[in-house]
Amino acid sequence: MTFFTNPVIYGQSVQGQHNETLVQVSGVVMAAKTNRPLQFAVIISKKQPNNNILTNDKGFFSMVTVPGDTLLCLAYGYLTNPQPIPNYEFEHGYSLNIITMLEDTNFVRQTAKMPYPEPSDFNRAFLALETPEDDFDRALRNLDPELLAYLATILPYDGGENYNLFVKREMERQYTRGQYPSYKIFDVFAWAKFVKALKHGDIKISMPKPPNKKN
């Protein structure tokens, strides 16, 4: 990064309030290797920490400070190089020398990370690896016939089942409309069929049990 002051940087003394001498400093911040302007670089006054400014898209900045101050130019990826300003009153302007800002780059040696010290340790760990459950395994578990039969006995009707039951009852009411409704409990043939099945042992009532958890 290059900090230009001459000829584009100039100093100009200004008599501020409370008899404090001020100086205006302007400049352009550029990269050392590519000579391209650096935008959004931060220029900070060391004596006045709240007095800071950013460079524009051309790398240009202009700020007011006091003689004897030190300007710090900060940019991501570059080392900070302080630039002191002489402590005297400027009568005809002041030009700073060109400052080269080096890139902040550190190189480290290549490191190979080996989780297992020996190949045999890797083979042992790989064979003992427990693979996580996938979507196919979860689908097979959820479609277990024993589980579905048990859930059918404890879960209430959903919206679709309630709708189908209501429609069937309405159809029966329309079928017997204008006459006495028919009930299966008074059907003689149905009772005869039930007694016959009961004698032959065809009717078995059993409640499904919760399925055993499989490891």
C-alpha atoms as a PDB file:
ATOM      1  CA  MET A   1       0.000   0.000   0.000  1.00  0.00           C
ATOM      2  CA  THR A   2       1.390   3.411  -0.972  1.00  0.00           C
ATOM      3  CA  PHE A   3       0.483   6.602   0.844  1.00  0.00           C
ATOM      4  CA  PHE A   4       0.905   9.506  -1.612  1.00  0.00           C
ATOM      5  CA  THR A   5       1.397  13.047  -0.429  1.00  0.00           C
ATOM      6  CA  ASN A   6       3.279  14.801  -3.129  1.00  0.00           C
ATOM      7  CA  PRO A   7       2.081  16.207  -5.376  1.00  0.00           C
ATOM      8  CA  VAL A   8      -1.482  15.117  -4.527  1.00  0.00           C
ATOM      9  CA  ILE A   9      -1.107  15.561  -0.752  1.00  0.00           C
ATOM     10  CA  TYR A  10      -0.832  19.015   0.622  1.00  0.00           C
ATOM     11  CA  GLY A  11      -0.831  20.675   4.031  1.00  0.00           C
ATOM     12  CA  GLN A  12      -2.586  23.888   4.871  1.00  0.00           C
ATOM     13  CA  SER A  13      -2.548  25.603   8.285  1.00  0.00           C
ATOM     14  CA  VAL A  14      -5.873  26.663   9.738  1.00  0.00           C
ATOM     15  CA  GLN A  15      -6.340  28.704  12.920  1.00  0.00           C
ATOM     16  CA  GLY A  16      -9.159  26.961  14.785  1.00  0.00           C
ATOM     17  CA  GLN A  17     -11.087  27.838  17.875  1.00  0.00           C
ATOM     18  CA  HIS A  18      -9.275  28.250  21.205  1.00  0.00           C
ATOM     19  CA  ASN A  19      -6.120  29.290  19.284  1.00  0.00           C
ATOM     20  CA  GLU A  20      -5.426  25.690  18.177  1.00  0.00           C
ATOM     21  CA  THR A  21      -3.457  25.316  14.949  1.00  0.00           C
ATOM     22  CA  LEU A  22      -4.958  22.795  12.555  1.00  0.00           C
ATOM     23  CA  VAL A  23      -3.626  21.302   9.357  1.00  0.00           C
ATOM     24  CA  GLN A  24      -5.540  19.671   6.546  1.00  0.00           C
ATOM     25  CA  VAL A  25      -3.980  16.559   5.040  1.00  0.00           C
ATOM     26  CA  SER A  26      -5.179  14.865   1.886  1.00  0.00           C
ATOM     27  CA  GLY A  27      -3.826  11.866   0.083  1.00  0.00           C
ATOM     28  CA  VAL A  28      -4.321   8.738  -1.974  1.00  0.00           C
ATOM     29  CA  VAL A  29      -3.849   5.221  -0.636  1.00  0.00           C
ATOM     30  CA  MET A  30      -2.614   2.645  -3.132  1.00  0.00           C
ATOM     31  CA  ALA A  31      -1.397  -0.948  -3.024  1.00  0.00           C
ATOM     32  CA  ALA A  32       2.361  -1.355  -3.324  1.00  0.00           C
ATOM     33  CA  LYS A  33       2.468  -4.351  -5.683  1.00  0.00           C
ATOM     34  CA  THR A  34      -0.431  -3.526  -7.974  1.00  0.00           C
ATOM     35  CA  ASN A  35      -0.434   0.290  -7.648  1.00  0.00           C
ATOM     36  CA  ARG A  36      -4.204   0.240  -7.504  1.00  0.00           C
ATOM     37  CA  PRO A  37      -6.128   2.558  -5.179  1.00  0.00           C
ATOM     38  CA  LEU A  38      -7.532   0.983  -2.041  1.00  0.00           C
ATOM     39  CA  GLN A  39     -11.072   1.991  -1.201  1.00  0.00           C
ATOM     40  CA  PHE A  40     -12.534   1.949   2.307  1.00  0.00           C
ATOM     41  CA  ALA A  41      -9.105   2.158   3.934  1.00  0.00           C
ATOM     42  CA  VAL A  42      -9.315   3.747   7.390  1.00  0.00           C
ATOM     43  CA  ILE A  43      -7.222   6.818   8.246  1.00  0.00           C
ATOM     44  CA  ILE A  44      -7.071   7.370  12.021  1.00  0.00           C
ATOM     45  CA  SER A  45      -5.591  10.268  13.953  1.00  0.00           C
ATOM     46  CA  LYS A  46      -3.526   9.018  16.893  1.00  0.00           C
ATOM     47  CA  LYS A  47      -4.010  12.179  18.952  1.00  0.00           C
ATOM     48  CA  GLN A  48      -7.706  12.360  18.104  1.00  0.00           C
ATOM     49  CA  PRO A  49      -9.032   8.748  18.025  1.00  0.00           C
ATOM     50  CA  ASN A  50     -12.520   9.905  17.113  1.00  0.00           C
ATOM     51  CA  ASN A  51     -11.131  11.731  14.098  1.00  0.00           C
ATOM     52  CA  ASN A  52     -11.030   9.096  11.362  1.00  0.00           C
ATOM     53  CA  ILE A  53     -12.088   8.876   7.747  1.00  0.00           C
ATOM     54  CA  LEU A  54     -12.449   6.327   4.936  1.00  0.00           C
ATOM     55  CA  THR A  55     -10.942   6.516   1.485  1.00  0.00           C
ATOM     56  CA  ASN A  56     -13.301   6.654  -1.485  1.00  0.00           C
ATOM     57  CA  ASP A  57     -13.343   4.366  -4.519  1.00  0.00           C
ATOM     58  CA  LYS A  58     -10.297   6.227  -5.882  1.00  0.00           C
ATOM     59  CA  GLY A  59      -8.353   5.750  -2.645  1.00  0.00           C
ATOM     60  CA  PHE A  60      -8.565   9.494  -1.885  1.00  0.00           C
ATOM     61  CA  PHE A  61      -9.078  11.000   1.565  1.00  0.00           C
ATOM     62  CA  SER A  62      -8.903  14.429   3.170  1.00  0.00           C
ATOM     63  CA  MET A  63      -8.947  15.174   6.894  1.00  0.00           C
ATOM     64  CA  VAL A  64      -8.050  17.875   9.405  1.00  0.00           C
ATOM     65  CA  THR A  65      -5.654  17.182  12.256  1.00  0.00           C
ATOM     66  CA  VAL A  66      -3.103  18.977  14.441  1.00  0.00           C
ATOM     67  CA  PRO A  67       0.679  19.328  14.008  1.00  0.00           C
ATOM     68  CA  GLY A  68       2.673  16.621  15.761  1.00  0.00           C
ATOM     69  CA  ASP A  69      -0.040  14.041  15.159  1.00  0.00           C
ATOM     70  CA  THR A  70       0.492  10.575  13.697  1.00  0.00           C
ATOM     71  CA  LEU A  71      -1.801   9.196  11.006  1.00  0.00           C
ATOM     72  CA  LEU A  72      -2.479   5.469  10.915  1.00  0.00           C
ATOM     73  CA  CYS A  73      -3.616   3.897   7.659  1.00  0.00           C
ATOM     74  CA  LEU A  74      -5.499   0.636   8.182  1.00  0.00           C
ATOM     75  CA  ALA A  75      -6.570  -1.735   5.429  1.00  0.00           C
ATOM     76  CA  TYR A  76      -7.534  -5.376   5.643  1.00  0.00           C
ATOM     77  CA  GLY A  77      -4.650  -7.574   4.488  1.00  0.00           C
ATOM     78  CA  TYR A  78      -1.967  -4.900   4.901  1.00  0.00           C
ATOM     79  CA  LEU A  79       0.409  -3.975   7.701  1.00  0.00           C
ATOM     80  CA  THR A  80      -0.136  -0.683   9.492  1.00  0.00           C
ATOM     81  CA  ASN A  81       2.596   1.903   8.921  1.00  0.00           C
ATOM     82  CA  PRO A  82       2.310   5.082  11.024  1.00  0.00           C
ATOM     83  CA  GLN A  83       3.086   8.407   9.377  1.00  0.00           C
ATOM     84  CA  PRO A  84       4.129  11.209  11.763  1.00  0.00           C
ATOM     85  CA  ILE A  85       3.391  14.867  11.064  1.00  0.00           C
ATOM     86  CA  PRO A  86       6.030  17.455  12.166  1.00  0.00           C
ATOM     87  CA  ASN A  87       5.106  19.527  15.194  1.00  0.00           C
ATOM     88  CA  TYR A  88       5.271  23.048  13.803  1.00  0.00           C
ATOM     89  CA  GLU A  89       2.982  25.515  12.089  1.00  0.00           C
ATOM     90  CA  PHE A  90       2.669  25.100   8.334  1.00  0.00           C
ATOM     91  CA  GLU A  91       2.885  28.349   6.397  1.00  0.00           C
ATOM     92  CA  HIS A  92       3.119  27.195   2.798  1.00  0.00           C
ATOM     93  CA  GLY A  93       1.797  23.640   3.033  1.00  0.00           C
ATOM     94  CA  TYR A  94       3.402  20.340   3.869  1.00  0.00           C
ATOM     95  CA  SER A  95       4.210  17.291   1.736  1.00  0.00           C
ATOM     96  CA  LEU A  96       4.663  13.823   3.211  1.00  0.00           C
ATOM     97  CA  ASN A  97       7.015  11.217   1.782  1.00  0.00           C
ATOM     98  CA  ILE A  98       5.646   8.162   0.010  1.00  0.00           C
ATOM     99  CA  ILE A  99       4.992   5.314   2.424  1.00  0.00           C
ATOM    100  CA  THR A 100       4.913   1.722   1.218  1.00  0.00           C
ATOM    101  CA  MET A 101       2.479  -0.538   3.021  1.00  0.00           C
ATOM    102  CA  LEU A 102       3.456  -4.202   2.954  1.00  0.00           C
ATOM    103  CA  GLU A 103       0.927  -6.975   2.659  1.00  0.00           C
ATOM    104  CA  ASP A 104       0.181  -8.824   5.876  1.00  0.00           C
ATOM    105  CA  THR A 105       0.795 -12.387   4.674  1.00  0.00           C
ATOM    106  CA  ASN A 106       2.165 -15.243   6.762  1.00  0.00           C
ATOM    107  CA  PHE A 107       3.191 -18.616   5.383  1.00  0.00           C
ATOM    108  CA  VAL A 108       3.168 -21.730   7.552  1.00  0.00           C
ATOM    109  CA  ARG A 109       4.613 -25.139   6.921  1.00  0.00           C
ATOM    110  CA  GLN A 110       2.399 -27.848   5.489  1.00  0.00           C
ATOM    111  CA  THR A 111       0.957 -30.151   8.130  1.00  0.00           C
ATOM    112  CA  ALA A 112      -0.613 -33.551   7.475  1.00  0.00           C
ATOM    113  CA  LYS A 113      -3.227 -34.537  10.047  1.00  0.00           C
ATOM    114  CA  MET A 114      -3.483 -38.293  10.594  1.00  0.00           C
ATOM    115  CA  PRO A 115      -6.333 -39.383  12.896  1.00  0.00           C
ATOM    116  CA  TYR A 116      -4.886 -42.885  13.283  1.00  0.00           C
ATOM    117  CA  PRO A 117      -1.213 -43.598  13.984  1.00  0.00           C
ATOM    118  CA  GLU A 118      -1.199 -46.957  12.160  1.00  0.00           C
ATOM    119  CA  PRO A 119      -3.194 -48.384   9.198  1.00  0.00           C
ATOM    120  CA  SER A 120      -4.321 -51.276  11.397  1.00  0.00           C
ATOM    121  CA  ASP A 121      -5.990 -48.814  13.766  1.00  0.00           C
ATOM    122  CA  PHE A 122      -7.933 -47.338  10.866  1.00  0.00           C
ATOM    123  CA  ASN A 123      -9.099 -50.776   9.672  1.00  0.00           C
ATOM    124  CA  ARG A 124     -10.273 -51.680  13.163  1.00  0.00           C
ATOM    125  CA  ALA A 125     -12.169 -48.409  13.569  1.00  0.00           C
ATOM    126  CA  PHE A 126     -13.710 -48.682  10.100  1.00  0.00           C
ATOM    127  CA  LEU A 127     -15.019 -52.202  10.717  1.00  0.00           C
ATOM    128  CA  ALA A 128     -16.497 -51.137  14.065  1.00  0.00           C
ATOM    129  CA  LEU A 129     -18.177 -48.081  12.549  1.00  0.00           C
ATOM    130  CA  GLU A 130     -21.925 -47.873  13.168  1.00  0.00           C
ATOM    131  CA  THR A 131     -23.636 -46.264  10.216  1.00  0.00           C
ATOM    132  CA  PRO A 132     -26.458 -43.874  11.090  1.00  0.00           C
ATOM    133  CA  GLU A 133     -30.062 -44.698  10.308  1.00  0.00           C
ATOM    134  CA  ASP A 134     -31.176 -43.495   6.880  1.00  0.00           C
ATOM    135  CA  ASP A 135     -34.597 -42.680   5.418  1.00  0.00           C
ATOM    136  CA  PHE A 136     -35.106 -46.229   4.101  1.00  0.00           C
ATOM    137  CA  ASP A 137     -34.611 -47.766   7.548  1.00  0.00           C
ATOM    138  CA  ARG A 138     -37.029 -45.284   9.095  1.00  0.00           C
ATOM    139  CA  ALA A 139     -39.634 -46.041   6.407  1.00  0.00           C
ATOM    140  CA  LEU A 140     -39.418 -49.796   7.073  1.00  0.00           C
ATOM    141  CA  ARG A 141     -39.831 -49.225  10.795  1.00  0.00           C
ATOM    142  CA  ASN A 142     -42.858 -46.962  10.334  1.00  0.00           C
ATOM    143  CA  LEU A 143     -44.550 -49.455   7.949  1.00  0.00           C
ATOM    144  CA  ASP A 144     -44.215 -52.426  10.300  1.00  0.00           C
ATOM    145  CA  PRO A 145     -47.535 -54.406  10.140  1.00  0.00           C
ATOM    146  CA  GLU A 146     -47.583 -54.975  13.898  1.00  0.00           C
ATOM    147  CA  LEU A 147     -47.086 -51.291  14.545  1.00  0.00           C
ATOM    148  CA  LEU A 148     -49.808 -50.286  12.074  1.00  0.00           C
ATOM    149  CA  ALA A 149     -52.281 -52.786  13.592  1.00  0.00           C
ATOM    150  CA  TYR A 150     -51.603 -51.456  17.075  1.00  0.00           C
ATOM    151  CA  LEU A 151     -51.950 -47.818  16.017  1.00  0.00           C
ATOM    152  CA  ALA A 152     -55.269 -48.600  14.300  1.00  0.00           C
ATOM    153  CA  THR A 153     -56.767 -49.627  17.669  1.00  0.00           C
ATOM    154  CA  ILE A 154     -55.655 -46.623  19.706  1.00  0.00           C
ATOM    155  CA  LEU A 155     -55.750 -43.735  17.255  1.00  0.00           C
ATOM    156  CA  PRO A 156     -59.023 -41.847  16.648  1.00  0.00           C
ATOM    157  CA  TYR A 157     -60.567 -41.381  13.226  1.00  0.00           C
ATOM    158  CA  ASP A 158     -59.053 -38.695  11.081  1.00  0.00           C
ATOM    159  CA  GLY A 159     -60.952 -36.204   8.954  1.00  0.00           C
ATOM    160  CA  GLY A 160     -61.247 -38.470   5.914  1.00  0.00           C
ATOM    161  CA  GLU A 161     -62.542 -41.433   7.909  1.00  0.00           C
ATOM    162  CA  ASN A 162     -65.121 -39.304   9.722  1.00  0.00           C
ATOM    163  CA  TYR A 163     -66.310 -37.940   6.389  1.00  0.00           C
ATOM    164  CA  ASN A 164     -66.710 -41.418   4.854  1.00  0.00           C
ATOM    165  CA  LEU A 165     -68.647 -42.652   7.891  1.00  0.00           C
ATOM    166  CA  PHE A 166     -70.975 -39.661   7.749  1.00  0.00           C
ATOM    167  CA  VAL A 167     -71.620 -40.101   4.020  1.00  0.00           C
ATOM    168  CA  LYS A 168     -72.432 -43.815   4.462  1.00  0.00           C
ATOM    169  CA  ARG A 169     -74.915 -43.056   7.220  1.00  0.00           C
ATOM    170  CA  GLU A 170     -76.578 -40.391   5.093  1.00  0.00           C
ATOM    171  CA  MET A 171     -76.900 -42.865   2.213  1.00  0.00           C
ATOM    172  CA  GLU A 172     -78.591 -45.393   4.533  1.00  0.00           C
ATOM    173  CA  ARG A 173     -80.993 -42.726   5.739  1.00  0.00           C
ATOM    174  CA  GLN A 174     -81.905 -41.804   2.178  1.00  0.00           C
ATOM    175  CA  TYR A 175     -82.393 -45.504   1.311  1.00  0.00           C
ATOM    176  CA  THR A 176     -84.946 -46.027   4.113  1.00  0.00           C
ATOM    177  CA  ARG A 177     -86.518 -42.597   3.842  1.00  0.00           C
ATOM    178  CA  GLY A 178     -90.305 -42.677   4.392  1.00  0.00           C
ATOM    179  CA  GLN A 179     -90.230 -46.012   6.217  1.00  0.00           C
ATOM    180  CA  TYR A 180     -88.903 -47.514   9.382  1.00  0.00           C
ATOM    181  CA  PRO A 181     -85.109 -47.590   9.338  1.00  0.00           C
ATOM    182  CA  SER A 182     -83.511 -50.987   9.271  1.00  0.00           C
ATOM    183  CA  TYR A 183     -81.101 -52.043  11.996  1.00  0.00           C
ATOM    184  CA  LYS A 184     -78.803 -55.042  11.734  1.00  0.00           C
ATOM    185  CA  ILE A 185     -79.560 -55.995  15.321  1.00  0.00           C
ATOM    186  CA  PHE A 186     -83.099 -56.955  14.257  1.00  0.00           C
ATOM    187  CA  ASP A 187     -81.964 -58.874  11.144  1.00  0.00           C
ATOM    188  CA  VAL A 188     -82.846 -62.572  11.675  1.00  0.00           C
ATOM    189  CA  PHE A 189     -80.478 -63.772   8.948  1.00  0.00           C
ATOM    190  CA  ALA A 190     -77.613 -61.835  10.461  1.00  0.00           C
ATOM    191  CA  TRP A 191     -78.253 -63.426  13.855  1.00  0.00           C
ATOM    192  CA  ALA A 192     -78.321 -66.895  12.310  1.00  0.00           C
ATOM    193  CA  LYS A 193     -75.024 -66.261  10.560  1.00  0.00           C
ATOM    194  CA  PHE A 194     -73.481 -65.000  13.810  1.00  0.00           C
ATOM    195  CA  VAL A 195     -74.606 -68.048  15.836  1.00  0.00           C
ATOM    196  CA  LYS A 196     -73.296 -70.423  13.162  1.00  0.00           C
ATOM    197  CA  ALA A 197     -69.892 -68.727  13.126  1.00  0.00           C
ATOM    198  CA  LEU A 198     -69.771 -68.764  16.914  1.00  0.00           C
ATOM    199  CA  LYS A 199     -70.426 -72.527  17.035  1.00  0.00           C
ATOM    200  CA  HIS A 200     -67.698 -73.293  14.523  1.00  0.00           C
ATOM    201  CA  GLY A 201     -65.175 -71.080  16.334  1.00  0.00           C
ATOM    202  CA  ASP A 202     -64.756 -68.672  13.429  1.00  0.00           C
ATOM    203  CA  ILE A 203     -65.028 -65.608  15.670  1.00  0.00           C
ATOM    204  CA  LYS A 204     -61.909 -64.761  17.627  1.00  0.00           C
ATOM    205  CA  ILE A 205     -61.589 -61.479  19.449  1.00  0.00           C
ATOM    206  CA  SER A 206     -58.063 -60.411  20.324  1.00  0.00           C
ATOM    207  CA  MET A 207     -56.513 -57.024  21.007  1.00  0.00           C
ATOM    208  CA  PRO A 208     -53.190 -56.356  19.344  1.00  0.00           C
ATOM    209  CA  LYS A 209     -50.288 -55.740  21.675  1.00  0.00           C
ATOM    210  CA  PRO A 210     -47.709 -52.997  21.299  1.00  0.00           C
ATOM    211  CA  PRO A 211     -44.889 -54.190  19.057  1.00  0.00           C
ATOM    212  CA  ASN A 212     -41.593 -54.963  20.674  1.00  0.00           C
ATOM    213  CA  LYS A 213     -38.822 -52.477  20.027  1.00  0.00           C
ATOM    214  CA  LYS A 214     -36.169 -53.887  17.776  1.00  0.00           C
ATOM    215  CA  ASN A 215     -32.594 -52.990  18.427  1.00  0.00           C
END
